[in-house]
Amino acid sequence: PKAAAPKAKAEPKAEAATEAKAAAPKK
């Protein structure tokens, strides 16, 4: 868990980006 702790901060951004892409309606 100690080694994996710094990476956990970057995960929400990546998840938010993927959710935003999925939620964006196709033109």
PDB file of all heavy atoms in Angstrom:
ATOM      1  N   PRO A   1       0.805  -1.235   0.000  1.00  0.00           N
ATOM      2  CA  PRO A   1       0.000   0.000   0.000  1.00  0.00           C
ATOM      3  C   PRO A   1       0.830   1.274   0.000  1.00  0.00           C
ATOM      4  O   PRO A   1       0.450   2.270  -0.603  1.00  0.00           O
ATOM      5  CB  PRO A   1      -0.838  -0.116   1.274  1.00  0.00           C
ATOM      6  CG  PRO A   1      -0.882  -1.587   1.567  1.00  0.00           C
ATOM      7  CD  PRO A   1       0.436  -2.113   1.108  1.00  0.00           C
ATOM      8  N   LYS A   2       2.022   1.290   0.671  1.00  0.00           N
ATOM      9  CA  LYS A   2       2.851   2.483   0.714  1.00  0.00           C
ATOM     10  C   LYS A   2       3.339   2.843  -0.673  1.00  0.00           C
ATOM     11  O   LYS A   2       3.377   3.999  -1.062  1.00  0.00           O
ATOM     12  CB  LYS A   2       4.036   2.262   1.661  1.00  0.00           C
ATOM     13  CG  LYS A   2       3.626   2.122   3.113  1.00  0.00           C
ATOM     14  CD  LYS A   2       4.845   1.906   3.992  1.00  0.00           C
ATOM     15  CE  LYS A   2       4.440   1.738   5.459  1.00  0.00           C
ATOM     16  NZ  LYS A   2       5.616   1.488   6.319  1.00  0.00           N
ATOM     17  N   ALA A   3       3.775   1.839  -1.426  1.00  0.00           N
ATOM     18  CA  ALA A   3       4.286   2.116  -2.763  1.00  0.00           C
ATOM     19  C   ALA A   3       3.184   2.549  -3.707  1.00  0.00           C
ATOM     20  O   ALA A   3       3.398   3.328  -4.616  1.00  0.00           O
ATOM     21  CB  ALA A   3       4.993   0.877  -3.309  1.00  0.00           C
ATOM     22  N   ALA A   4       1.983   2.047  -3.494  1.00  0.00           N
ATOM     23  CA  ALA A   4       0.875   2.349  -4.404  1.00  0.00           C
ATOM     24  C   ALA A   4       0.161   3.644  -4.049  1.00  0.00           C
ATOM     25  O   ALA A   4      -0.694   4.097  -4.792  1.00  0.00           O
ATOM     26  CB  ALA A   4      -0.129   1.206  -4.400  1.00  0.00           C
ATOM     27  N   ALA A   5       0.492   4.262  -2.911  1.00  0.00           N
ATOM     28  CA  ALA A   5      -0.228   5.447  -2.460  1.00  0.00           C
ATOM     29  C   ALA A   5      -0.092   6.631  -3.407  1.00  0.00           C
ATOM     30  O   ALA A   5      -1.075   7.293  -3.717  1.00  0.00           O
ATOM     31  CB  ALA A   5       0.245   5.837  -1.047  1.00  0.00           C
ATOM     32  N   PRO A   6       1.126   6.989  -3.932  1.00  0.00           N
ATOM     33  CA  PRO A   6       1.225   8.143  -4.821  1.00  0.00           C
ATOM     34  C   PRO A   6       0.395   7.991  -6.085  1.00  0.00           C
ATOM     35  O   PRO A   6      -0.123   8.941  -6.617  1.00  0.00           O
ATOM     36  CB  PRO A   6       2.726   8.202  -5.144  1.00  0.00           C
ATOM     37  CG  PRO A   6       3.385   7.460  -4.033  1.00  0.00           C
ATOM     38  CD  PRO A   6       2.418   6.402  -3.639  1.00  0.00           C
ATOM     39  N   LYS A   7       0.283   6.779  -6.635  1.00  0.00           N
ATOM     40  CA  LYS A   7      -0.460   6.563  -7.866  1.00  0.00           C
ATOM     41  C   LYS A   7      -1.957   6.774  -7.671  1.00  0.00           C
ATOM     42  O   LYS A   7      -2.659   7.075  -8.606  1.00  0.00           O
ATOM     43  CB  LYS A   7      -0.212   5.146  -8.393  1.00  0.00           C
ATOM     44  CG  LYS A   7       1.221   4.945  -8.858  1.00  0.00           C
ATOM     45  CD  LYS A   7       1.401   3.548  -9.420  1.00  0.00           C
ATOM     46  CE  LYS A   7       2.825   3.326  -9.885  1.00  0.00           C
ATOM     47  NZ  LYS A   7       3.020   1.971 -10.420  1.00  0.00           N
ATOM     48  N   ALA A   8      -2.443   6.581  -6.439  1.00  0.00           N
ATOM     49  CA  ALA A   8      -3.877   6.686  -6.186  1.00  0.00           C
ATOM     50  C   ALA A   8      -4.390   8.099  -6.432  1.00  0.00           C
ATOM     51  O   ALA A   8      -5.549   8.290  -6.759  1.00  0.00           O
ATOM     52  CB  ALA A   8      -4.187   6.257  -4.755  1.00  0.00           C
ATOM     53  N   LYS A   9      -3.515   9.132  -6.313  1.00  0.00           N
ATOM     54  CA  LYS A   9      -3.956  10.500  -6.519  1.00  0.00           C
ATOM     55  C   LYS A   9      -4.268  10.774  -7.986  1.00  0.00           C
ATOM     56  O   LYS A   9      -5.133  11.555  -8.311  1.00  0.00           O
ATOM     57  CB  LYS A   9      -2.878  11.462  -6.023  1.00  0.00           C
ATOM     58  CG  LYS A   9      -2.659  11.393  -4.524  1.00  0.00           C
ATOM     59  CD  LYS A   9      -1.591  12.367  -4.089  1.00  0.00           C
ATOM     60  CE  LYS A   9      -1.360  12.307  -2.581  1.00  0.00           C
ATOM     61  NZ  LYS A   9      -0.299  13.244  -2.156  1.00  0.00           N
ATOM     62  N   ALA A  10      -3.524  10.134  -8.870  1.00  0.00           N
ATOM     63  CA  ALA A  10      -3.713  10.399 -10.296  1.00  0.00           C
ATOM     64  C   ALA A  10      -4.896   9.640 -10.874  1.00  0.00           C
ATOM     65  O   ALA A  10      -5.363   9.958 -11.956  1.00  0.00           O
ATOM     66  CB  ALA A  10      -2.441  10.027 -11.063  1.00  0.00           C
ATOM     67  N   GLU A  11      -5.372   8.607 -10.182  1.00  0.00           N
ATOM     68  CA  GLU A  11      -6.454   7.788 -10.714  1.00  0.00           C
ATOM     69  C   GLU A  11      -7.765   8.558 -10.881  1.00  0.00           C
ATOM     70  O   GLU A  11      -8.444   8.397 -11.886  1.00  0.00           O
ATOM     71  CB  GLU A  11      -6.672   6.568  -9.828  1.00  0.00           C
ATOM     72  CG  GLU A  11      -5.562   5.535  -9.992  1.00  0.00           C
ATOM     73  CD  GLU A  11      -5.772   4.360  -9.082  1.00  0.00           C
ATOM     74  OE1 GLU A  11      -6.762   4.387  -8.330  1.00  0.00           O
ATOM     75  OE2 GLU A  11      -4.958   3.428  -9.117  1.00  0.00           O
ATOM     76  N   PRO A  12      -8.196   9.413  -9.925  1.00  0.00           N
ATOM     77  CA  PRO A  12      -9.465  10.133 -10.108  1.00  0.00           C
ATOM     78  C   PRO A  12      -9.508  10.965 -11.380  1.00  0.00           C
ATOM     79  O   PRO A  12     -10.516  11.053 -12.051  1.00  0.00           O
ATOM     80  CB  PRO A  12      -9.563  10.999  -8.849  1.00  0.00           C
ATOM     81  CG  PRO A  12      -8.759  10.271  -7.832  1.00  0.00           C
ATOM     82  CD  PRO A  12      -7.631   9.645  -8.588  1.00  0.00           C
ATOM     83  N   LYS A  13      -8.356  11.617 -11.765  1.00  0.00           N
ATOM     84  CA  LYS A  13      -8.335  12.429 -12.969  1.00  0.00           C
ATOM     85  C   LYS A  13      -8.586  11.567 -14.198  1.00  0.00           C
ATOM     86  O   LYS A  13      -9.337  11.940 -15.095  1.00  0.00           O
ATOM     87  CB  LYS A  13      -6.995  13.141 -13.092  1.00  0.00           C
ATOM     88  CG  LYS A  13      -6.780  14.208 -12.017  1.00  0.00           C
ATOM     89  CD  LYS A  13      -5.472  14.917 -12.228  1.00  0.00           C
ATOM     90  CE  LYS A  13      -5.261  15.998 -11.169  1.00  0.00           C
ATOM     91  NZ  LYS A  13      -3.964  16.694 -11.357  1.00  0.00           N
ATOM     92  N   ALA A  14      -7.885  10.422 -14.233  1.00  0.00           N
ATOM     93  CA  ALA A  14      -8.061   9.536 -15.387  1.00  0.00           C
ATOM     94  C   ALA A  14      -9.489   9.025 -15.459  1.00  0.00           C
ATOM     95  O   ALA A  14     -10.087   8.968 -16.540  1.00  0.00           O
ATOM     96  CB  ALA A  14      -7.079   8.365 -15.289  1.00  0.00           C
ATOM     97  N   GLU A  15     -10.048   8.672 -14.301  1.00  0.00           N
ATOM     98  CA  GLU A  15     -11.427   8.179 -14.283  1.00  0.00           C
ATOM     99  C   GLU A  15     -12.401   9.282 -14.707  1.00  0.00           C
ATOM    100  O   GLU A  15     -13.356   9.031 -15.456  1.00  0.00           O
ATOM    101  CB  GLU A  15     -11.780   7.687 -12.886  1.00  0.00           C
ATOM    102  CG  GLU A  15     -11.060   6.395 -12.510  1.00  0.00           C
ATOM    103  CD  GLU A  15     -11.410   5.965 -11.110  1.00  0.00           C
ATOM    104  OE1 GLU A  15     -12.192   6.679 -10.454  1.00  0.00           O
ATOM    105  OE2 GLU A  15     -10.909   4.910 -10.666  1.00  0.00           O
ATOM    106  N   ALA A  16     -12.152  10.504 -14.252  1.00  0.00           N
ATOM    107  CA  ALA A  16     -13.035  11.611 -14.616  1.00  0.00           C
ATOM    108  C   ALA A  16     -12.987  11.867 -16.115  1.00  0.00           C
ATOM    109  O   ALA A  16     -14.007  12.159 -16.743  1.00  0.00           O
ATOM    110  CB  ALA A  16     -12.629  12.880 -13.855  1.00  0.00           C
ATOM    111  N   ALA A  17     -11.769  11.754 -16.703  1.00  0.00           N
ATOM    112  CA  ALA A  17     -11.632  11.995 -18.142  1.00  0.00           C
ATOM    113  C   ALA A  17     -12.381  10.944 -18.937  1.00  0.00           C
ATOM    114  O   ALA A  17     -13.071  11.252 -19.909  1.00  0.00           O
ATOM    115  CB  ALA A  17     -10.154  12.003 -18.523  1.00  0.00           C
ATOM    116  N   THR A  18     -12.241   9.671 -18.518  1.00  0.00           N
ATOM    117  CA  THR A  18     -12.938   8.601 -19.239  1.00  0.00           C
ATOM    118  C   THR A  18     -14.449   8.736 -19.099  1.00  0.00           C
ATOM    119  O   THR A  18     -15.189   8.503 -20.050  1.00  0.00           O
ATOM    120  CB  THR A  18     -12.492   7.240 -18.695  1.00  0.00           C
ATOM    121  OG1 THR A  18     -12.670   7.206 -17.275  1.00  0.00           O
ATOM    122  CG2 THR A  18     -11.044   6.970 -19.035  1.00  0.00           C
ATOM    123  N   GLU A  19     -14.924   9.125 -17.896  1.00  0.00           N
ATOM    124  CA  GLU A  19     -16.359   9.318 -17.707  1.00  0.00           C
ATOM    125  C   GLU A  19     -16.884  10.474 -18.559  1.00  0.00           C
ATOM    126  O   GLU A  19     -17.985  10.411 -19.114  1.00  0.00           O
ATOM    127  CB  GLU A  19     -16.653   9.586 -16.230  1.00  0.00           C
ATOM    128  CG  GLU A  19     -16.493   8.344 -15.353  1.00  0.00           C
ATOM    129  CD  GLU A  19     -16.746   8.665 -13.898  1.00  0.00           C
ATOM    130  OE1 GLU A  19     -17.048   9.831 -13.595  1.00  0.00           O
ATOM    131  OE2 GLU A  19     -16.635   7.743 -13.067  1.00  0.00           O
ATOM    132  N   ALA A  20     -16.071  11.536 -18.669  1.00  0.00           N
ATOM    133  CA  ALA A  20     -16.496  12.689 -19.467  1.00  0.00           C
ATOM    134  C   ALA A  20     -16.593  12.318 -20.941  1.00  0.00           C
ATOM    135  O   ALA A  20     -17.518  12.727 -21.640  1.00  0.00           O
ATOM    136  CB  ALA A  20     -15.511  13.851 -19.287  1.00  0.00           C
ATOM    137  N   LYS A  21     -15.628  11.520 -21.415  1.00  0.00           N
ATOM    138  CA  LYS A  21     -15.674  11.077 -22.802  1.00  0.00           C
ATOM    139  C   LYS A  21     -16.896  10.215 -23.064  1.00  0.00           C
ATOM    140  O   LYS A  21     -17.542  10.307 -24.094  1.00  0.00           O
ATOM    141  CB  LYS A  21     -14.405  10.294 -23.148  1.00  0.00           C
ATOM    142  CG  LYS A  21     -13.175  11.182 -23.276  1.00  0.00           C
ATOM    143  CD  LYS A  21     -11.961  10.352 -23.644  1.00  0.00           C
ATOM    144  CE  LYS A  21     -10.709  11.227 -23.758  1.00  0.00           C
ATOM    145  NZ  LYS A  21      -9.523  10.404 -24.106  1.00  0.00           N
ATOM    146  N   ALA A  22     -17.170   9.302 -22.105  1.00  0.00           N
ATOM    147  CA  ALA A  22     -18.312   8.415 -22.280  1.00  0.00           C
ATOM    148  C   ALA A  22     -19.629   9.182 -22.234  1.00  0.00           C
ATOM    149  O   ALA A  22     -20.585   8.839 -22.934  1.00  0.00           O
ATOM    150  CB  ALA A  22     -18.301   7.334 -21.205  1.00  0.00           C
ATOM    151  N   ALA A  23     -19.682  10.213 -21.376  1.00  0.00           N
ATOM    152  CA  ALA A  23     -20.928  10.960 -21.226  1.00  0.00           C
ATOM    153  C   ALA A  23     -21.157  11.950 -22.358  1.00  0.00           C
ATOM    154  O   ALA A  23     -22.285  12.386 -22.587  1.00  0.00           O
ATOM    155  CB  ALA A  23     -20.936  11.709 -19.892  1.00  0.00           C
ATOM    156  N   ALA A  24     -20.083  12.338 -23.068  1.00  0.00           N
ATOM    157  CA  ALA A  24     -20.240  13.328 -24.132  1.00  0.00           C
ATOM    158  C   ALA A  24     -21.078  12.752 -25.258  1.00  0.00           C
ATOM    159  O   ALA A  24     -20.786  11.678 -25.770  1.00  0.00           O
ATOM    160  CB  ALA A  24     -18.866  13.733 -24.663  1.00  0.00           C
ATOM    161  N   PRO A  25     -22.161  13.409 -25.649  1.00  0.00           N
ATOM    162  CA  PRO A  25     -23.013  12.878 -26.714  1.00  0.00           C
ATOM    163  C   PRO A  25     -22.320  12.974 -28.060  1.00  0.00           C
ATOM    164  O   PRO A  25     -21.581  13.911 -28.338  1.00  0.00           O
ATOM    165  CB  PRO A  25     -24.257  13.773 -26.655  1.00  0.00           C
ATOM    166  CG  PRO A  25     -23.769  15.050 -26.059  1.00  0.00           C
ATOM    167  CD  PRO A  25     -22.649  14.694 -25.120  1.00  0.00           C
ATOM    168  N   LYS A  26     -22.569  11.987 -28.911  1.00  0.00           N
ATOM    169  CA  LYS A  26     -22.008  11.978 -30.253  1.00  0.00           C
ATOM    170  C   LYS A  26     -22.756  12.994 -31.119  1.00  0.00           C
ATOM    171  O   LYS A  26     -23.982  13.096 -31.064  1.00  0.00           O
ATOM    172  CB  LYS A  26     -22.117  10.584 -30.862  1.00  0.00           C
ATOM    173  CG  LYS A  26     -21.253   9.557 -30.147  1.00  0.00           C
ATOM    174  CD  LYS A  26     -21.366   8.227 -30.833  1.00  0.00           C
ATOM    175  CE  LYS A  26     -20.509   7.191 -30.135  1.00  0.00           C
ATOM    176  NZ  LYS A  26     -20.631   5.858 -30.783  1.00  0.00           N
ATOM    177  N   LYS A  27     -21.996  13.709 -31.920  1.00  0.00           N
ATOM    178  CA  LYS A  27     -22.596  14.698 -32.797  1.00  0.00           C
ATOM    179  C   LYS A  27     -23.355  14.006 -33.919  1.00  0.00           C
ATOM    180  O   LYS A  27     -22.789  13.170 -34.626  1.00  0.00           O
ATOM    181  CB  LYS A  27     -21.523  15.607 -33.377  1.00  0.00           C
ATOM    182  CG  LYS A  27     -20.843  16.483 -32.329  1.00  0.00           C
ATOM    183  CD  LYS A  27     -19.827  17.393 -32.966  1.00  0.00           C
ATOM    184  CE  LYS A  27     -19.155  18.287 -31.926  1.00  0.00           C
ATOM    185  NZ  LYS A  27     -18.145  19.163 -32.549  1.00  0.00           N
TER     186      LYS A  27
END
